[in-house]
Protein backbone atom coordinates (compact mmCIF):
# COMPACT_ATOMS: atom_id res chain seq x y z
CA MET A 1 0.00 0.00 0.00
CA THR A 2 2.81 2.40 0.92
CA SER A 3 4.48 1.72 -2.42
CA ASP A 4 1.26 2.55 -4.27
CA VAL A 5 0.90 5.84 -2.39
CA ILE A 6 4.47 6.85 -3.24
CA THR A 7 3.94 5.96 -6.88
CA GLU A 8 0.71 7.96 -7.03
CA GLU A 9 2.42 10.95 -5.42
CA LYS A 10 5.23 10.79 -7.97
CA LEU A 11 2.75 10.60 -10.86
CA THR A 12 0.83 13.54 -9.42
CA ARG A 13 4.00 15.65 -9.23
CA ILE A 14 4.97 14.67 -12.78
CA ASP A 15 1.50 15.53 -14.09
CA ARG A 16 1.60 18.87 -12.31
CA ALA A 17 5.03 19.68 -13.76
CA LEU A 18 3.88 18.76 -17.28
CA ASP A 19 0.76 20.89 -16.88
CA GLU A 20 2.84 23.86 -15.76
CA THR A 21 5.23 23.44 -18.69
CA LYS A 22 2.33 23.21 -21.15
CA SER A 23 0.73 26.26 -19.58
CA ARG A 24 3.94 28.29 -20.01
CA LEU A 25 4.30 27.21 -23.64
CA ASP A 26 0.64 27.96 -24.39
CA ARG A 27 1.00 31.38 -22.77
CA PHE A 28 4.14 32.04 -24.81
CA ALA A 29 2.35 31.00 -28.02
CA LEU A 30 -0.59 33.27 -27.24
CA GLU A 31 1.61 36.26 -26.44
CA SER A 32 3.72 35.69 -29.54
CA ALA A 33 0.59 35.72 -31.71
CA ARG A 34 -0.66 39.04 -30.37
CA PRO A 35 -0.31 42.15 -32.57
CA ARG A 36 2.80 44.19 -31.90
CA LEU A 37 1.98 47.47 -30.19
CA GLY A 38 5.54 48.65 -29.67
CA GLY A 39 8.69 48.55 -31.75
CA GLY A 40 10.63 45.75 -30.13
CA VAL A 41 8.33 44.33 -27.45
CA LYS A 42 7.62 41.02 -29.18
CA THR A 43 11.21 40.62 -30.31
CA ASP A 44 12.50 41.28 -26.80
CA HIS A 45 10.05 38.77 -25.35
CA VAL A 46 11.04 36.08 -27.86
CA GLU A 47 14.72 36.74 -27.18
CA ARG A 48 14.19 36.45 -23.43
CA GLU A 49 12.25 33.22 -23.89
CA HIS A 50 14.99 31.87 -26.15
CA LYS A 51 17.67 32.89 -23.66
CA THR A 52 15.88 31.08 -20.83
CA ALA A 53 15.29 27.93 -22.89
CA PHE A 54 18.88 27.94 -24.13
CA GLY A 55 20.18 28.23 -20.57
CA LEU A 56 18.09 25.24 -19.48
CA TYR A 57 19.41 23.18 -22.38
CA MET A 58 23.04 24.11 -21.80
CA ARG A 59 22.96 23.61 -18.04
CA ALA A 60 20.63 20.62 -17.68
CA GLY A 61 20.03 19.21 -21.14
CA GLU A 62 16.35 20.21 -21.11
CA ALA A 63 15.52 20.76 -24.79
CA GLY A 64 11.73 21.06 -24.66
CA GLY A 65 11.70 24.85 -24.62
CA LEU A 66 14.10 25.15 -27.56
CA LYS A 67 12.12 22.64 -29.60
CA ALA A 68 8.93 24.61 -29.04
CA ILE A 69 10.60 27.90 -30.00
CA GLU A 70 12.13 26.53 -33.20
CA GLN A 71 8.86 24.87 -34.23
CA LYS A 72 6.98 28.10 -33.59
CA ALA A 73 9.48 30.03 -35.68
CA MET A 74 8.99 27.46 -38.47
CA SER A 75 12.71 26.75 -38.29
CA ARG A 76 13.99 23.84 -40.27
CA GLY A 77 14.37 21.07 -37.73
CA SER A 78 17.68 20.56 -36.10
CA GLY A 79 17.78 16.95 -37.19
CA PRO A 80 19.11 14.20 -34.95
CA ASP A 81 22.62 15.66 -34.79
CA GLY A 82 22.12 19.32 -35.66
CA GLY A 83 21.71 20.84 -32.20
CA TYR A 84 19.83 24.05 -31.45
CA LEU A 85 20.30 27.68 -32.45
CA VAL A 86 22.07 29.89 -29.97
CA PRO A 87 20.18 33.12 -29.13
CA VAL A 88 20.66 35.96 -31.60
CA PRO A 89 22.63 38.20 -29.17
CA ALA A 90 25.11 35.36 -28.58
CA GLU A 91 25.48 34.82 -32.33
CA ARG A 92 26.11 38.53 -32.84
CA GLU A 93 28.76 38.48 -30.13
CA ILE A 94 30.48 35.49 -31.75
CA LEU A 95 30.53 37.24 -35.15
CA ARG A 96 31.78 40.49 -33.58
CA ARG A 97 34.67 38.70 -31.94
CA MET A 98 35.45 36.78 -35.12
CA SER A 99 35.75 40.07 -37.01
CA THR A 100 38.30 41.37 -34.51
CA VAL A 101 40.46 38.22 -34.78
CA SER A 102 39.97 37.23 -38.43
CA PRO A 103 41.69 39.95 -40.51
CA ILE A 104 40.27 38.95 -43.89
CA ARG A 105 36.71 38.85 -42.57
CA ALA A 106 37.23 42.40 -41.29
CA ILE A 107 38.10 43.75 -44.76
CA ALA A 108 36.06 41.45 -47.04
CA ASN A 109 32.47 41.73 -48.24
CA VAL A 110 30.43 39.71 -45.72
CA VAL A 111 27.09 38.38 -46.97
CA GLU A 112 24.50 36.54 -44.86
CA ILE A 113 22.43 33.78 -46.45
CA SER A 114 19.78 31.34 -45.26
CA GLY A 115 20.43 28.65 -47.89
CA GLN A 116 23.31 26.36 -48.76
CA SER A 117 25.33 28.71 -50.99
CA LEU A 118 25.64 32.17 -52.50
CA LYS A 119 25.39 32.33 -56.29
CA ARG A 120 26.38 35.35 -58.33
CA ALA A 121 26.47 36.12 -62.03
CA ILE A 122 29.59 38.12 -62.85
CA SER A 123 30.19 39.92 -66.13
CA THR A 124 33.77 39.11 -67.12
CA THR A 125 33.76 41.79 -69.81
CA GLY A 126 31.94 44.47 -67.84
CA PRO A 127 28.23 45.23 -68.16
CA ALA A 128 26.95 46.58 -71.48
CA SER A 129 26.68 50.37 -71.39
CA GLY A 130 26.62 53.41 -73.64
CA TRP A 131 24.85 56.66 -74.48
CA VAL A 132 21.43 56.80 -76.12
CA ALA A 133 18.69 59.35 -76.67
CA GLU A 134 15.49 59.04 -74.67
CA THR A 135 13.54 57.36 -77.47
CA ASP A 136 16.38 55.45 -79.12
CA PRO A 137 16.29 51.63 -78.97
CA ARG A 138 18.67 50.06 -76.48
CA PRO A 139 21.06 47.84 -78.41
CA GLN A 140 21.66 44.35 -77.09
CA SER A 141 25.23 43.43 -76.23
CA THR A 142 26.66 40.72 -78.45
CA ASN A 143 30.02 40.27 -76.75
CA GLN A 144 29.17 40.40 -73.05
CA GLN A 145 30.35 37.28 -71.20
CA ILE A 146 28.75 36.14 -67.95
CA ALA A 147 30.35 33.78 -65.43
CA ASP A 148 28.44 32.05 -62.64
CA LEU A 149 30.24 31.98 -59.30
CA THR A 150 29.05 29.78 -56.44
CA PHE A 151 30.24 30.12 -52.86
CA PRO A 152 28.98 27.21 -50.71
CA ALA A 153 28.79 27.58 -46.93
CA MET A 154 30.86 24.83 -45.28
CA GLU A 155 30.52 23.56 -41.73
CA LEU A 156 33.00 24.88 -39.18
CA TYR A 157 32.93 23.31 -35.74
CA ALA A 158 34.36 23.64 -32.26
CA MET A 159 33.80 21.42 -29.23
CA PRO A 160 34.39 23.24 -25.95
CA ALA A 161 34.11 21.27 -22.71
CA ALA A 162 32.63 22.36 -19.39
CA THR A 163 32.42 20.87 -15.93
CA GLN A 164 29.01 20.33 -14.40
CA THR A 165 30.12 22.62 -11.58
CA LEU A 166 30.51 25.49 -14.04
CA LEU A 167 27.13 24.73 -15.61
CA ASP A 168 25.44 24.63 -12.22
CA ASP A 169 26.84 28.04 -11.26
CA ALA A 170 23.98 30.49 -11.79
CA VAL A 171 26.39 33.43 -11.83
CA VAL A 172 28.09 32.18 -15.01
CA ASP A 173 26.63 33.77 -18.16
CA ILE A 174 26.33 30.66 -20.31
CA GLU A 175 25.93 32.60 -23.57
CA GLN A 176 29.03 34.63 -22.82
CA TRP A 177 30.91 31.44 -21.98
CA ILE A 178 30.08 29.74 -25.28
CA ALA A 179 31.00 32.92 -27.20
CA ASP A 180 34.33 33.10 -25.36
CA GLU A 181 35.08 29.46 -26.11
CA VAL A 182 34.27 29.28 -29.83
CA ALA A 183 34.79 32.76 -31.33
CA VAL A 184 38.60 32.73 -31.40
CA VAL A 185 38.74 29.09 -32.55
CA PHE A 186 36.30 29.82 -35.38
CA ALA A 187 38.22 32.96 -36.35
CA GLU A 188 41.58 31.19 -36.50
CA GLN A 189 40.20 28.36 -38.63
CA GLU A 190 38.41 30.60 -41.09
CA GLY A 191 41.30 33.08 -41.20
CA ALA A 192 43.61 30.39 -42.55
CA ALA A 193 40.97 29.22 -45.04
CA PHE A 194 40.30 32.72 -46.40
CA VAL A 195 44.00 33.02 -47.27
CA SER A 196 44.96 29.56 -48.53
CA GLY A 197 41.99 27.18 -48.15
CA ASP A 198 41.64 24.73 -51.03
CA GLY A 199 37.86 24.99 -51.24
CA VAL A 200 37.31 21.35 -50.26
CA ASN A 201 34.94 21.38 -47.28
CA LYS A 202 36.23 24.86 -46.49
CA PRO A 203 36.30 28.33 -48.10
CA LYS A 204 38.71 28.89 -50.99
CA GLY A 205 41.47 31.31 -50.13
CA PHE A 206 42.62 34.01 -52.51
CA LEU A 207 46.11 32.43 -52.68
CA ALA A 208 44.61 29.10 -53.82
CA TYR A 209 43.46 30.44 -57.19
CA THR A 210 45.58 30.17 -60.33
CA THR A 211 48.06 33.03 -60.53
CA THR A 212 49.54 34.62 -63.62
CA PRO A 213 51.96 37.47 -64.38
CA GLN A 214 50.07 40.75 -64.40
CA ALA A 215 51.06 41.32 -68.03
CA THR A 216 49.02 38.27 -69.09
CA TRP A 217 46.20 38.56 -66.56
CA SER A 218 42.74 37.26 -67.44
CA HIS A 219 39.50 36.66 -65.56
CA GLY A 220 39.62 33.65 -63.25
CA ASN A 221 43.26 34.27 -62.32
CA ILE A 222 45.00 36.45 -59.76
CA GLY A 223 47.67 38.69 -61.26
CA TYR A 224 51.10 39.03 -59.67
CA VAL A 225 54.24 41.12 -59.93
CA ALA A 226 57.51 39.19 -59.54
CA THR A 227 60.41 40.52 -57.48
CA GLY A 228 62.91 39.16 -60.01
CA VAL A 229 64.88 37.59 -57.17
CA SER A 230 64.19 34.22 -55.61
CA ALA A 231 63.06 34.46 -51.99
CA ASN A 232 63.93 38.12 -51.62
CA PHE A 233 63.50 41.71 -52.68
CA PRO A 234 66.10 43.05 -55.12
CA ALA A 235 69.15 44.51 -53.41
CA SER A 236 68.74 47.96 -54.97
CA ASN A 237 65.59 50.07 -54.78
CA PRO A 238 63.39 47.31 -53.34
CA SER A 239 60.53 49.72 -52.69
CA ASP A 240 60.13 50.28 -56.45
CA LEU A 241 58.47 46.88 -56.63
CA LEU A 242 55.77 48.02 -54.25
CA TYR A 243 54.97 50.92 -56.56
CA ASP A 244 54.74 48.46 -59.45
CA LEU A 245 52.32 46.38 -57.39
CA VAL A 246 50.20 49.37 -56.40
CA TYR A 247 49.82 50.55 -59.99
CA ALA A 248 49.03 47.06 -61.22
CA LEU A 249 45.68 47.73 -59.57
CA LYS A 250 43.14 49.89 -61.38
CA ALA A 251 42.42 53.31 -59.93
CA GLY A 252 38.89 52.37 -58.91
CA PHE A 253 40.21 49.59 -56.69
CA ARG A 254 43.09 51.62 -55.24
CA GLN A 255 40.72 53.96 -53.40
CA ASN A 256 39.89 51.26 -50.84
CA ALA A 257 43.01 49.12 -51.22
CA ARG A 258 45.31 47.83 -48.50
CA PHE A 259 48.37 45.65 -48.11
CA VAL A 260 48.01 42.21 -46.49
CA VAL A 261 51.15 40.61 -45.01
CA ASN A 262 52.30 38.63 -42.00
CA ARG A 263 54.45 40.19 -39.31
CA LYS A 264 57.77 38.87 -40.68
CA THR A 265 57.18 40.37 -44.11
CA GLN A 266 56.03 43.61 -42.53
CA ALA A 267 59.23 43.71 -40.46
CA ALA A 268 61.27 43.50 -43.67
CA ILE A 269 59.26 46.15 -45.51
CA ARG A 270 59.18 48.69 -42.72
CA LYS A 271 62.94 49.18 -43.16
CA PHE A 272 62.56 50.43 -46.74
CA LYS A 273 63.35 54.11 -47.34
CA THR A 274 62.85 56.59 -50.13
CA SER A 275 65.76 58.14 -51.99
CA THR A 276 65.64 61.00 -49.48
CA GLY A 277 65.94 58.65 -46.51
CA GLU A 278 62.31 58.64 -45.36
CA TYR A 279 60.63 55.40 -44.34
CA ILE A 280 57.73 54.36 -46.58
CA TRP A 281 56.13 52.48 -43.67
CA GLU A 282 54.47 54.65 -41.03
CA PRO A 283 53.17 53.58 -37.62
CA PRO A 284 49.51 54.10 -36.65
CA ALA A 285 48.75 57.78 -36.17
CA THR A 286 46.16 57.21 -33.43
CA LEU A 287 45.11 54.49 -31.03
CA GLY A 288 43.22 51.78 -32.90
CA ALA A 289 44.41 52.94 -36.32
CA GLN A 290 46.46 50.86 -38.75
CA ALA A 291 50.02 51.26 -39.91
CA THR A 292 50.34 52.50 -43.47
CA LEU A 293 52.67 51.67 -46.33
CA MET A 294 52.90 54.32 -49.01
CA ASN A 295 49.73 55.78 -47.42
CA PHE A 296 47.77 52.53 -47.82
CA PRO A 297 46.64 50.64 -44.68
CA VAL A 298 48.56 47.50 -43.72
CA VAL A 299 46.58 44.49 -42.50
CA GLU A 300 48.58 41.91 -40.58
CA ALA A 301 47.40 38.38 -41.36
CA GLU A 302 49.49 35.66 -39.75
CA ASP A 303 48.25 33.09 -42.26
CA MET A 304 50.05 34.83 -45.12
CA PRO A 305 53.21 32.91 -46.09
CA ASP A 306 56.72 34.00 -45.12
CA ILE A 307 59.09 35.32 -47.75
CA ALA A 308 60.48 32.24 -49.53
CA ALA A 309 61.23 31.03 -53.05
CA ASN A 310 58.19 31.76 -55.25
CA ALA A 311 56.07 32.61 -52.21
CA LEU A 312 53.10 34.93 -52.68
CA ALA A 313 53.88 36.67 -49.43
CA LEU A 314 52.28 40.05 -50.04
CA ALA A 315 48.83 40.97 -51.33
CA PHE A 316 47.43 44.35 -52.29
CA GLY A 317 43.88 45.13 -53.27
CA ASP A 318 40.34 46.16 -52.50
CA PHE A 319 39.25 43.09 -50.56
CA GLU A 320 35.74 44.39 -50.01
CA ARG A 321 35.15 44.15 -53.75
CA GLY A 322 37.54 41.29 -54.36
CA TYR A 323 36.72 38.68 -51.70
CA VAL A 324 33.36 37.57 -50.31
CA VAL A 325 32.73 35.86 -46.97
CA VAL A 326 29.47 33.93 -46.82
CA ASP A 327 27.79 33.49 -43.43
CA ARG A 328 24.86 31.14 -43.20
CA VAL A 329 22.62 32.55 -40.48
CA GLY A 330 22.69 30.63 -37.22
CA VAL A 331 25.17 29.06 -34.81
CA ARG A 332 24.04 25.68 -33.48
CA VAL A 333 24.97 23.79 -30.32
CA LEU A 334 24.54 20.09 -29.53
CA ARG A 335 25.04 19.05 -25.90
CA ASP A 336 26.96 15.82 -25.31
CA PRO A 337 27.23 14.71 -21.65
CA TYR A 338 28.40 11.18 -22.47
CA SER A 339 31.54 11.18 -24.64
CA ALA A 340 33.98 12.77 -22.18
CA LYS A 341 32.62 12.15 -18.69
CA PRO A 342 32.76 13.90 -16.24
CA TYR A 343 32.87 16.81 -18.72
CA VAL A 344 30.01 17.99 -20.89
CA LEU A 345 30.93 18.68 -24.51
CA PHE A 346 29.17 21.26 -26.67
CA TYR A 347 29.45 20.50 -30.38
CA THR A 348 29.12 23.99 -31.85
CA THR A 349 28.78 24.55 -35.59
CA LYS A 350 28.61 27.46 -37.99
CA ARG A 351 28.48 27.43 -41.78
CA VAL A 352 30.95 29.73 -43.54
CA GLY A 353 32.06 30.07 -47.15
CA GLY A 354 34.33 32.36 -49.09
CA GLY A 355 36.08 33.02 -52.36
CA VAL A 356 37.25 35.61 -54.86
CA GLN A 357 34.37 37.47 -56.48
CA ASN A 358 36.37 40.01 -58.51
CA PHE A 359 39.66 38.73 -59.89
CA ASP A 360 40.82 42.19 -60.90
CA ALA A 361 40.59 43.64 -57.38
CA ILE A 362 43.49 41.73 -55.76
CA LYS A 363 47.15 41.62 -56.84
CA LEU A 364 50.06 39.66 -55.40
CA LEU A 365 53.81 40.06 -55.02
CA LYS A 366 55.68 36.88 -55.93
CA PHE A 367 59.16 36.38 -54.51
CA GLY A 368 60.55 34.68 -57.58
CA VAL A 369 62.51 35.30 -60.74
CA SER A 370 59.38 35.35 -62.90
């Protein structure tokens, strides 16, 4: 008899808890469906609800709230291994931190998508244009060539681990913790890919494309200027090569152009002087500003190669027009409390793509004879 009473009490408590959960979800659904009276009231409410549900999932593995939110938002299901979307503020924080660590992301054209890839039609001969009177017929172009470029978003992952003690600590901001753990890792991985990634399950870096001497440049290739010396600058007037590189770029691209090098190459270049003894490299003028080389900003990217035989160790161009970074909206987290006991793993994924979108906007300096 005692056993039956205990069982009935347990069932009663379970039923009560389920009723309360259903009541909260129904109330949330009703409030979400109400007309918006103020600018951000509904959005703020949804974000708070998402934050609460995300915290429960991260700390205790309770996914019911997140499932309800994603279903209500008509989100494509997470699938058995896809995890759940982190709240929008946490995603924004991750992207903000990635931009501060990933130098190419900071200067490229960043496009958000909701699908699998970004597709663009690029005119390789320039769009048809001309002058006509108001009533004149518009002639059709017979020599315009169009190229289709596709930039797929590939999966980038990180798997931070946490102790249950940390997760149980109510003072710990769990969204801040996940942003701290994955942002730098994501940025380092994508930073390398944007420079030299081969495009196989990762973005294609601008150094991975076919290169050709600037004199024979054509669409689909990246043009370069050779130093004429293997693994070095020429002994006399080495800075002249930088002028050749700058003016290999069309004037329209030079307005927003910058040099991209690693710290070793920058250390070599900053010693160059003009014929009057002035350094062509100048330190940042103010706090937070960039160093300049011949009045163009210098971006330090550690993933650029060192000076070596035939290395493409220096880039110059308008990267905002030349390189595109594709962000698929959403960062997802899957909680795994089993694989690394006593730790809890958080399989965190983001889809990122990238590639050259204008082959005339980026030029390279090749440390080779030709």
